[in-house]
Amino acid sequence: METRIEADVIEMMKSQMAVLKHKLESQSILNERLIRRVMHARMQWVRKVVAVNVCMCVLVIAFVYVMMARYGWSPAFFWVTVALFVAVAAASIWVNVYGHVDLLEGNLVEAGRALVRMKRLRTQGRLVKLPLGLAWACWYAIEAMDFAEAVGLERGRMLLIICLAGAVGLIIGLVVFNKLQRANDDIIAQIDELTGSKDRP
């Protein structure tokens, strides 16, 4: 009699464990779907930022071309601008979009690693772009002040405008950079919580 009761208890416990296991698996699947949905939304926002970045690069190139064609800015400065901003646009597209086209597919552990690589590449890119951008801005200031003198504007006022515009542009760039990195951090944290992958390179 006692053996039968024990067997019934064991069977009941097995049944309860199976139900619990099924619930946990269902919860994991639901959490994974939610993470993928959040990942998709964040990556859509990243792609919009990249699109705006590319448009700004095109506008800068077009502006410098007009200044060269109409007001005699240096052709060398124009071609340096073309090379620099095409490289910036291409790097932005590669790092944030085409370099990780399979990000939303496959398992979440690999997606987490891809997001970490994306963050690292952004940081490395910033270390390259900041000194190049500063050098370009200095050359731009020289061209702009020569233009101001040619059309009768005060060089000091033009320099002030350039400095203010550069400061605003730098602040906006840093804010966007930090938001892009935080978008990755949020997704990585959720992936780590679901998969238990705490070790990151």
Protein backbone atom coordinates (compact mmCIF):
# COMPACT_ATOMS: atom_id res chain seq x y z
CA MET A 1 0.00 0.00 0.00
CA GLU A 2 2.76 2.44 0.98
CA THR A 3 4.69 1.55 -2.18
CA ARG A 4 1.66 2.37 -4.30
CA ILE A 5 1.17 5.71 -2.52
CA GLU A 6 4.82 6.56 -3.05
CA ALA A 7 4.53 5.65 -6.73
CA ASP A 8 1.44 7.88 -7.07
CA VAL A 9 3.29 10.74 -5.36
CA ILE A 10 6.28 10.29 -7.67
CA GLU A 11 4.01 10.25 -10.74
CA MET A 12 2.24 13.39 -9.51
CA MET A 13 5.60 15.11 -8.95
CA LYS A 14 6.75 14.11 -12.44
CA SER A 15 3.54 15.49 -13.88
CA GLN A 16 3.94 18.75 -11.99
CA MET A 17 7.58 19.01 -13.12
CA ALA A 18 6.52 18.46 -16.73
CA VAL A 19 3.90 21.21 -16.42
CA LEU A 20 6.44 23.54 -14.80
CA LYS A 21 9.01 22.76 -17.50
CA HIS A 22 6.44 23.47 -20.21
CA LYS A 23 5.55 26.81 -18.57
CA LEU A 24 9.21 27.79 -18.31
CA GLU A 25 9.82 26.89 -21.96
CA SER A 26 6.75 28.88 -22.99
CA GLN A 27 7.93 31.85 -20.93
CA SER A 28 11.40 31.65 -22.49
CA ILE A 29 9.90 31.59 -25.98
CA LEU A 30 7.72 34.58 -25.13
CA ASN A 31 10.70 36.49 -23.68
CA GLU A 32 12.78 35.72 -26.76
CA ARG A 33 10.02 37.00 -29.02
CA LEU A 34 9.75 40.19 -26.97
CA ILE A 35 13.53 40.70 -27.11
CA ARG A 36 13.54 40.21 -30.87
CA ARG A 37 10.71 42.71 -31.21
CA VAL A 38 12.61 45.27 -29.12
CA MET A 39 15.79 44.50 -31.09
CA HIS A 40 13.96 45.06 -34.37
CA ALA A 41 12.54 48.40 -33.16
CA ARG A 42 15.93 49.61 -31.89
CA MET A 43 17.70 48.58 -35.10
CA GLN A 44 15.07 50.40 -37.15
CA TRP A 45 15.87 53.54 -35.16
CA VAL A 46 19.60 52.96 -35.73
CA ARG A 47 18.98 52.68 -39.49
CA LYS A 48 17.09 55.99 -39.44
CA VAL A 49 20.03 57.64 -37.69
CA VAL A 50 22.36 56.19 -40.34
CA ALA A 51 20.09 57.52 -43.12
CA VAL A 52 20.17 61.02 -41.59
CA ASN A 53 23.96 60.76 -41.25
CA VAL A 54 24.32 59.83 -44.93
CA CYS A 55 22.04 62.71 -45.98
CA MET A 56 24.09 65.17 -43.94
CA CYS A 57 27.29 63.92 -45.60
CA VAL A 58 25.74 64.45 -49.04
CA LEU A 59 24.57 67.96 -48.07
CA VAL A 60 28.04 68.94 -46.82
CA ILE A 61 29.63 67.73 -50.06
CA ALA A 62 27.04 69.61 -52.13
CA PHE A 63 27.55 72.79 -50.08
CA VAL A 64 31.33 72.71 -50.49
CA TYR A 65 30.94 72.07 -54.21
CA VAL A 66 28.69 75.14 -54.58
CA MET A 67 31.18 77.26 -52.62
CA MET A 68 33.99 76.01 -54.84
CA ALA A 69 32.08 76.56 -58.08
CA ARG A 70 30.65 79.98 -57.22
CA TYR A 71 33.07 81.53 -54.74
CA GLY A 72 36.40 79.94 -55.57
CA TRP A 73 36.95 77.66 -52.58
CA SER A 74 39.92 75.35 -52.98
CA PRO A 75 39.35 72.31 -55.24
CA ALA A 76 41.73 70.39 -52.97
CA PHE A 77 39.45 71.12 -50.02
CA PHE A 78 36.45 69.93 -52.05
CA TRP A 79 38.05 66.59 -52.95
CA VAL A 80 39.27 66.06 -49.39
CA THR A 81 35.68 66.74 -48.26
CA VAL A 82 34.34 64.22 -50.76
CA ALA A 83 36.83 61.54 -49.66
CA LEU A 84 36.28 62.16 -45.95
CA PHE A 85 32.49 62.31 -45.96
CA VAL A 86 32.06 59.39 -48.36
CA ALA A 87 34.28 57.36 -46.01
CA VAL A 88 32.24 58.48 -42.99
CA ALA A 89 28.95 57.55 -44.68
CA ALA A 90 30.28 54.19 -45.86
CA ALA A 91 31.67 53.34 -42.41
CA SER A 92 28.38 54.30 -40.75
CA ILE A 93 26.42 52.06 -43.12
CA TRP A 94 28.84 49.16 -42.71
CA VAL A 95 29.12 49.31 -38.92
CA ASN A 96 25.43 49.82 -38.18
CA VAL A 97 23.63 48.07 -41.05
CA TYR A 98 25.32 45.84 -43.61
CA GLY A 99 28.03 44.57 -41.32
CA HIS A 100 25.31 42.93 -39.21
CA VAL A 101 22.56 42.01 -41.69
CA ASP A 102 21.96 38.69 -39.89
CA LEU A 103 21.63 40.34 -36.47
CA LEU A 104 17.90 39.62 -36.15
CA GLU A 105 18.28 36.01 -37.27
CA GLY A 106 19.85 33.04 -35.54
CA ASN A 107 20.31 32.58 -31.81
CA LEU A 108 20.35 35.39 -29.29
CA VAL A 109 23.86 34.62 -28.02
CA GLU A 110 25.32 35.37 -31.46
CA ALA A 111 23.12 38.47 -31.71
CA GLY A 112 24.53 39.68 -28.39
CA ARG A 113 28.08 39.18 -29.62
CA ALA A 114 27.28 41.06 -32.83
CA LEU A 115 25.91 43.98 -30.80
CA VAL A 116 29.08 44.06 -28.71
CA ARG A 117 31.19 44.12 -31.89
CA MET A 118 29.03 46.95 -33.23
CA LYS A 119 29.68 49.00 -30.08
CA ARG A 120 33.42 48.37 -30.31
CA LEU A 121 33.56 49.38 -33.97
CA ARG A 122 31.64 52.60 -33.22
CA THR A 123 34.12 53.47 -30.47
CA GLN A 124 37.10 52.77 -32.72
CA GLY A 125 35.50 54.81 -35.50
CA ARG A 126 35.03 57.76 -33.18
CA LEU A 127 38.73 57.71 -32.27
CA VAL A 128 39.54 58.02 -35.97
CA LYS A 129 36.81 60.50 -36.94
CA LEU A 130 37.41 63.05 -34.17
CA PRO A 131 40.97 64.08 -35.18
CA LEU A 132 40.10 63.91 -38.90
CA GLY A 133 36.98 65.99 -38.27
CA LEU A 134 38.98 68.57 -36.31
CA ALA A 135 41.54 68.87 -39.12
CA TRP A 136 38.74 69.23 -41.69
CA ALA A 137 37.01 71.87 -39.54
CA CYS A 138 40.23 73.90 -39.33
CA TRP A 139 40.62 73.82 -43.10
CA TYR A 140 36.95 74.74 -43.47
CA ALA A 141 37.48 77.73 -41.16
CA ILE A 142 40.39 78.94 -43.30
CA GLU A 143 38.29 78.67 -46.48
CA ALA A 144 35.30 80.34 -44.83
CA MET A 145 37.29 83.28 -43.47
CA ASP A 146 38.92 83.86 -46.85
CA PHE A 147 35.40 83.89 -48.29
CA ALA A 148 34.22 86.32 -45.60
CA GLU A 149 37.06 88.71 -46.39
CA ALA A 150 36.32 88.51 -50.11
CA VAL A 151 32.66 89.45 -49.66
CA GLY A 152 33.26 92.09 -47.00
CA LEU A 153 32.28 90.21 -43.86
CA GLU A 154 34.17 90.47 -40.59
CA ARG A 155 36.60 87.59 -40.14
CA GLY A 156 36.09 87.58 -36.37
CA ARG A 157 32.33 87.26 -36.71
CA MET A 158 32.72 84.46 -39.25
CA LEU A 159 35.15 82.65 -36.93
CA LEU A 160 32.67 82.96 -34.04
CA ILE A 161 29.87 81.50 -36.19
CA ILE A 162 32.11 78.61 -37.25
CA CYS A 163 33.12 77.87 -33.65
CA LEU A 164 29.52 77.92 -32.43
CA ALA A 165 28.36 75.71 -35.30
CA GLY A 166 31.23 73.30 -34.67
CA ALA A 167 30.45 73.10 -30.95
CA VAL A 168 26.76 72.43 -31.63
CA GLY A 169 27.65 69.78 -34.20
CA LEU A 170 30.07 68.09 -31.80
CA ILE A 171 27.49 68.03 -28.99
CA ILE A 172 24.81 66.59 -31.27
CA GLY A 173 27.24 63.96 -32.54
CA LEU A 174 28.22 62.89 -29.02
CA VAL A 175 24.57 62.73 -27.90
CA VAL A 176 23.62 60.57 -30.88
CA PHE A 177 26.68 58.36 -30.33
CA ASN A 178 25.76 57.79 -26.69
CA LYS A 179 22.14 56.99 -27.60
CA LEU A 180 23.30 54.46 -30.19
CA GLN A 181 25.56 52.81 -27.62
CA ARG A 182 22.77 52.76 -25.01
CA ALA A 183 20.41 51.15 -27.52
CA ASN A 184 22.92 48.31 -27.87
CA ASP A 185 23.44 48.12 -24.09
CA ASP A 186 19.71 47.74 -23.43
CA ILE A 187 19.36 44.86 -25.87
CA ILE A 188 22.57 43.17 -24.68
CA ALA A 189 21.36 43.35 -21.05
CA GLN A 190 18.04 41.70 -21.97
CA ILE A 191 19.79 38.98 -23.98
CA ASP A 192 22.17 38.30 -21.08
CA GLU A 193 19.28 38.08 -18.64
CA LEU A 194 17.49 35.52 -20.82
CA THR A 195 20.48 33.44 -21.91
CA GLY A 196 22.77 33.83 -18.91
CA SER A 197 25.62 35.01 -21.14
CA LYS A 198 27.39 37.35 -18.75
CA ASP A 199 30.90 37.11 -20.17
CA ARG A 200 31.46 39.64 -22.90
CA PRO A 201 34.67 40.28 -24.84
